[in-house]
Amino acid sequence: MNLRAAEEAFFTAQEMEKRAIRLYERALLVFGSQADMHREISAILREEQEHLRRFTALCGEYFPSLEEQTLLSSKAADALFTGGLVEAQRLGAFESPRGLIAYAASEEQNAQDFYSSMGAALKDAGETAAADALFKIAQEESMHLCALNAHLESMQA
């Protein structure tokens, strides 16, 4: 097993989750004064924190060099929440609870796709154990996406 490739994939996955947490923490500070937005942002934030906890337990910790961290963090930034809080606001994420859930669902889909493609690349490279772990992470994202979509549907009723 090429431990290096697997560890880099896991580090990138953890960085993506940390990026999500930071975005929702800032969103809570900026947009959380309305009770309904506070409730929805807090719920998504808790879910993202739980994702990071589970992913870290599943994948372990990897501490690349500072140069590698910068490169891998950039890769994570290109995959999820690419425009940060400003882009999320521009896309209407904080106009309403419904807008927030729709935005979060879109980002969950992006994360699921990214983790699945990383898993497929590792599987193609013969890194079965690492690929399985990333597929498990993608499955977690899929479950969260389903929950967000169900919540979005319930908001329409």
C-alpha atoms as a PDB file:
ATOM      1  CA  MET A   1       0.000   0.000   0.000  1.00  0.00           C
ATOM      2  CA  ASN A   2       1.302   3.435  -0.934  1.00  0.00           C
ATOM      3  CA  LEU A   3       0.778   5.013   2.460  1.00  0.00           C
ATOM      4  CA  ARG A   4       1.791   8.432   1.189  1.00  0.00           C
ATOM      5  CA  ALA A   5      -1.016   8.633  -1.390  1.00  0.00           C
ATOM      6  CA  ALA A   6      -3.592   7.425   1.117  1.00  0.00           C
ATOM      7  CA  GLU A   7      -2.424   9.830   3.812  1.00  0.00           C
ATOM      8  CA  GLU A   8      -2.517  12.756   1.392  1.00  0.00           C
ATOM      9  CA  ALA A   9      -6.064  11.840   0.369  1.00  0.00           C
ATOM     10  CA  PHE A  10      -7.107  11.598   4.021  1.00  0.00           C
ATOM     11  CA  PHE A  11      -5.441  14.898   4.882  1.00  0.00           C
ATOM     12  CA  THR A  12      -7.251  16.569   1.977  1.00  0.00           C
ATOM     13  CA  ALA A  13     -10.590  15.121   3.159  1.00  0.00           C
ATOM     14  CA  GLN A  14      -9.952  16.427   6.676  1.00  0.00           C
ATOM     15  CA  GLU A  15      -9.004  19.848   5.310  1.00  0.00           C
ATOM     16  CA  MET A  16     -12.249  19.972   3.329  1.00  0.00           C
ATOM     17  CA  GLU A  17     -14.252  19.281   6.480  1.00  0.00           C
ATOM     18  CA  LYS A  18     -12.277  21.878   8.450  1.00  0.00           C
ATOM     19  CA  ARG A  19     -13.022  24.382   5.686  1.00  0.00           C
ATOM     20  CA  ALA A  20     -16.737  23.606   5.962  1.00  0.00           C
ATOM     21  CA  ILE A  21     -16.618  24.069   9.731  1.00  0.00           C
ATOM     22  CA  ARG A  22     -14.870  27.437   9.429  1.00  0.00           C
ATOM     23  CA  LEU A  23     -17.406  28.638   6.871  1.00  0.00           C
ATOM     24  CA  TYR A  24     -20.385  27.716   9.055  1.00  0.00           C
ATOM     25  CA  GLU A  25     -18.746  29.147  12.177  1.00  0.00           C
ATOM     26  CA  ARG A  26     -18.301  32.490  10.382  1.00  0.00           C
ATOM     27  CA  ALA A  27     -21.813  32.255   8.962  1.00  0.00           C
ATOM     28  CA  LEU A  28     -23.165  31.799  12.472  1.00  0.00           C
ATOM     29  CA  LEU A  29     -21.413  34.979  13.593  1.00  0.00           C
ATOM     30  CA  VAL A  30     -22.521  37.032  10.591  1.00  0.00           C
ATOM     31  CA  PHE A  31     -25.980  35.632   9.819  1.00  0.00           C
ATOM     32  CA  GLY A  32     -26.990  33.900  13.039  1.00  0.00           C
ATOM     33  CA  SER A  33     -28.882  36.796  14.623  1.00  0.00           C
ATOM     34  CA  GLN A  34     -32.192  35.538  13.196  1.00  0.00           C
ATOM     35  CA  ALA A  35     -33.485  32.586  15.200  1.00  0.00           C
ATOM     36  CA  ASP A  36     -34.382  30.429  12.181  1.00  0.00           C
ATOM     37  CA  MET A  37     -31.006  31.008  10.483  1.00  0.00           C
ATOM     38  CA  HIS A  38     -29.175  30.416  13.771  1.00  0.00           C
ATOM     39  CA  ARG A  39     -30.941  27.083  14.190  1.00  0.00           C
ATOM     40  CA  GLU A  40     -30.195  25.891  10.642  1.00  0.00           C
ATOM     41  CA  ILE A  41     -26.569  27.060  10.583  1.00  0.00           C
ATOM     42  CA  SER A  42     -25.963  25.503  14.006  1.00  0.00           C
ATOM     43  CA  ALA A  43     -27.419  22.177  12.871  1.00  0.00           C
ATOM     44  CA  ILE A  44     -25.239  22.098   9.747  1.00  0.00           C
ATOM     45  CA  LEU A  45     -22.188  23.143  11.779  1.00  0.00           C
ATOM     46  CA  ARG A  46     -22.742  20.298  14.257  1.00  0.00           C
ATOM     47  CA  GLU A  47     -23.039  17.831  11.385  1.00  0.00           C
ATOM     48  CA  GLU A  48     -19.810  19.063   9.800  1.00  0.00           C
ATOM     49  CA  GLN A  49     -18.003  18.819  13.140  1.00  0.00           C
ATOM     50  CA  GLU A  50     -19.256  15.259  13.481  1.00  0.00           C
ATOM     51  CA  HIS A  51     -18.055  14.495   9.936  1.00  0.00           C
ATOM     52  CA  LEU A  52     -14.575  15.709  10.842  1.00  0.00           C
ATOM     53  CA  ARG A  53     -14.567  13.670  14.046  1.00  0.00           C
ATOM     54  CA  ARG A  54     -15.594  10.497  12.219  1.00  0.00           C
ATOM     55  CA  PHE A  55     -13.255  11.085   9.287  1.00  0.00           C
ATOM     56  CA  THR A  56     -10.322  11.720  11.611  1.00  0.00           C
ATOM     57  CA  ALA A  57     -11.086   8.524  13.536  1.00  0.00           C
ATOM     58  CA  LEU A  58     -11.420   6.594  10.287  1.00  0.00           C
ATOM     59  CA  CYS A  59      -8.348   8.015   8.596  1.00  0.00           C
ATOM     60  CA  GLY A  60      -6.064   8.972  11.453  1.00  0.00           C
ATOM     61  CA  GLU A  61      -3.920  12.070  11.564  1.00  0.00           C
ATOM     62  CA  TYR A  62      -1.358  12.907   8.939  1.00  0.00           C
ATOM     63  CA  PHE A  63       0.995  15.831   9.305  1.00  0.00           C
ATOM     64  CA  PRO A  64       2.765  16.589   6.050  1.00  0.00           C
ATOM     65  CA  SER A  65       5.462  19.201   5.766  1.00  0.00           C
ATOM     66  CA  LEU A  66       4.363  22.834   5.765  1.00  0.00           C
ATOM     67  CA  GLU A  67       4.849  22.983   2.007  1.00  0.00           C
ATOM     68  CA  GLU A  68       2.726  19.850   1.488  1.00  0.00           C
ATOM     69  CA  GLN A  69       0.057  21.193   3.857  1.00  0.00           C
ATOM     70  CA  THR A  70      -0.205  24.360   1.789  1.00  0.00           C
ATOM     71  CA  LEU A  71      -0.518  22.412  -1.442  1.00  0.00           C
ATOM     72  CA  LEU A  72      -3.077  19.956  -0.065  1.00  0.00           C
ATOM     73  CA  SER A  73      -5.070  22.737   1.616  1.00  0.00           C
ATOM     74  CA  SER A  74      -5.214  24.513  -1.743  1.00  0.00           C
ATOM     75  CA  LYS A  75      -6.527  21.321  -3.315  1.00  0.00           C
ATOM     76  CA  ALA A  76      -9.225  21.151  -0.638  1.00  0.00           C
ATOM     77  CA  ALA A  77     -10.125  24.816  -1.216  1.00  0.00           C
ATOM     78  CA  ASP A  78     -10.618  24.110  -4.922  1.00  0.00           C
ATOM     79  CA  ALA A  79     -13.011  21.267  -4.139  1.00  0.00           C
ATOM     80  CA  LEU A  80     -15.372  22.655  -1.509  1.00  0.00           C
ATOM     81  CA  PHE A  81     -16.686  26.111  -0.583  1.00  0.00           C
ATOM     82  CA  THR A  82     -14.513  27.559  -3.308  1.00  0.00           C
ATOM     83  CA  GLY A  83     -15.576  31.156  -2.760  1.00  0.00           C
ATOM     84  CA  GLY A  84     -15.927  31.045   0.996  1.00  0.00           C
ATOM     85  CA  LEU A  85     -18.557  32.987   2.885  1.00  0.00           C
ATOM     86  CA  VAL A  86     -18.810  35.778   0.304  1.00  0.00           C
ATOM     87  CA  GLU A  87     -19.524  33.327  -2.508  1.00  0.00           C
ATOM     88  CA  ALA A  88     -22.059  31.479  -0.365  1.00  0.00           C
ATOM     89  CA  GLN A  89     -23.828  34.763   0.304  1.00  0.00           C
ATOM     90  CA  ARG A  90     -23.715  35.677  -3.391  1.00  0.00           C
ATOM     91  CA  LEU A  91     -25.355  32.334  -4.167  1.00  0.00           C
ATOM     92  CA  GLY A  92     -28.212  33.131  -1.762  1.00  0.00           C
ATOM     93  CA  ALA A  93     -27.211  30.791   1.048  1.00  0.00           C
ATOM     94  CA  PHE A  94     -28.126  33.274   3.756  1.00  0.00           C
ATOM     95  CA  GLU A  95     -31.253  34.830   2.302  1.00  0.00           C
ATOM     96  CA  SER A  96     -33.437  32.234   4.000  1.00  0.00           C
ATOM     97  CA  PRO A  97     -33.229  28.905   5.798  1.00  0.00           C
ATOM     98  CA  ARG A  98     -34.331  27.247   2.545  1.00  0.00           C
ATOM     99  CA  GLY A  99     -31.492  28.960   0.654  1.00  0.00           C
ATOM    100  CA  LEU A 100     -29.028  27.760   3.281  1.00  0.00           C
ATOM    101  CA  ILE A 101     -30.173  24.154   3.068  1.00  0.00           C
ATOM    102  CA  ALA A 102     -30.097  24.226  -0.744  1.00  0.00           C
ATOM    103  CA  TYR A 103     -26.555  25.639  -0.648  1.00  0.00           C
ATOM    104  CA  ALA A 104     -25.416  23.075   1.939  1.00  0.00           C
ATOM    105  CA  ALA A 105     -26.898  20.259  -0.160  1.00  0.00           C
ATOM    106  CA  SER A 106     -25.018  21.482  -3.218  1.00  0.00           C
ATOM    107  CA  GLU A 107     -21.741  21.517  -1.288  1.00  0.00           C
ATOM    108  CA  GLU A 108     -22.439  18.038   0.111  1.00  0.00           C
ATOM    109  CA  GLN A 109     -22.886  16.811  -3.460  1.00  0.00           C
ATOM    110  CA  ASN A 110     -19.545  18.391  -4.393  1.00  0.00           C
ATOM    111  CA  ALA A 111     -17.872  16.714  -1.406  1.00  0.00           C
ATOM    112  CA  GLN A 112     -19.422  13.339  -2.188  1.00  0.00           C
ATOM    113  CA  ASP A 113     -18.243  13.573  -5.801  1.00  0.00           C
ATOM    114  CA  PHE A 114     -14.747  14.609  -4.740  1.00  0.00           C
ATOM    115  CA  TYR A 115     -14.349  11.816  -2.187  1.00  0.00           C
ATOM    116  CA  SER A 116     -15.718   9.265  -4.657  1.00  0.00           C
ATOM    117  CA  SER A 117     -13.273  10.365  -7.341  1.00  0.00           C
ATOM    118  CA  MET A 118     -10.364  10.269  -4.865  1.00  0.00           C
ATOM    119  CA  GLY A 119     -11.444   6.776  -3.823  1.00  0.00           C
ATOM    120  CA  ALA A 120     -11.681   5.647  -7.436  1.00  0.00           C
ATOM    121  CA  ALA A 121      -8.204   7.007  -8.187  1.00  0.00           C
ATOM    122  CA  LEU A 122      -6.759   5.175  -5.190  1.00  0.00           C
ATOM    123  CA  LYS A 123      -8.588   1.986  -6.156  1.00  0.00           C
ATOM    124  CA  ASP A 124      -7.190   2.233  -9.689  1.00  0.00           C
ATOM    125  CA  ALA A 125      -3.736   2.640  -8.148  1.00  0.00           C
ATOM    126  CA  GLY A 126      -4.243  -0.556  -6.156  1.00  0.00           C
ATOM    127  CA  GLU A 127      -4.786   1.228  -2.840  1.00  0.00           C
ATOM    128  CA  THR A 128      -7.839  -0.804  -1.860  1.00  0.00           C
ATOM    129  CA  ALA A 129      -7.872  -0.060   1.875  1.00  0.00           C
ATOM    130  CA  ALA A 130      -7.480   3.678   1.347  1.00  0.00           C
ATOM    131  CA  ALA A 131     -10.063   3.635  -1.433  1.00  0.00           C
ATOM    132  CA  ASP A 132     -12.521   1.814   0.810  1.00  0.00           C
ATOM    133  CA  ALA A 133     -12.040   4.448   3.518  1.00  0.00           C
ATOM    134  CA  LEU A 134     -12.696   7.260   1.038  1.00  0.00           C
ATOM    135  CA  PHE A 135     -15.748   5.467  -0.328  1.00  0.00           C
ATOM    136  CA  LYS A 136     -16.992   5.248   3.254  1.00  0.00           C
ATOM    137  CA  ILE A 137     -16.482   9.006   3.632  1.00  0.00           C
ATOM    138  CA  ALA A 138     -18.377   9.545   0.356  1.00  0.00           C
ATOM    139  CA  GLN A 139     -21.183   7.363   1.722  1.00  0.00           C
ATOM    140  CA  GLU A 140     -21.339   9.522   4.876  1.00  0.00           C
ATOM    141  CA  GLU A 141     -21.632  12.600   2.664  1.00  0.00           C
ATOM    142  CA  SER A 142     -24.360  10.886   0.664  1.00  0.00           C
ATOM    143  CA  MET A 143     -26.337  10.200   3.833  1.00  0.00           C
ATOM    144  CA  HIS A 144     -25.985  13.842   4.903  1.00  0.00           C
ATOM    145  CA  LEU A 145     -27.021  14.949   1.414  1.00  0.00           C
ATOM    146  CA  CYS A 146     -30.157  12.784   1.629  1.00  0.00           C
ATOM    147  CA  ALA A 147     -30.989  14.291   5.024  1.00  0.00           C
ATOM    148  CA  LEU A 148     -30.522  17.822   3.677  1.00  0.00           C
ATOM    149  CA  ASN A 149     -32.670  17.079   0.637  1.00  0.00           C
ATOM    150  CA  ALA A 150     -35.396  15.615   2.848  1.00  0.00           C
ATOM    151  CA  HIS A 151     -35.227  18.710   5.058  1.00  0.00           C
ATOM    152  CA  LEU A 152     -35.453  20.902   1.957  1.00  0.00           C
ATOM    153  CA  GLU A 153     -38.533  19.027   0.780  1.00  0.00           C
ATOM    154  CA  SER A 154     -40.158  19.386   4.191  1.00  0.00           C
ATOM    155  CA  MET A 155     -39.623  23.156   3.978  1.00  0.00           C
ATOM    156  CA  GLN A 156     -41.718  23.267   0.813  1.00  0.00           C
ATOM    157  CA  ALA A 157     -44.694  21.587   2.503  1.00  0.00           C
END
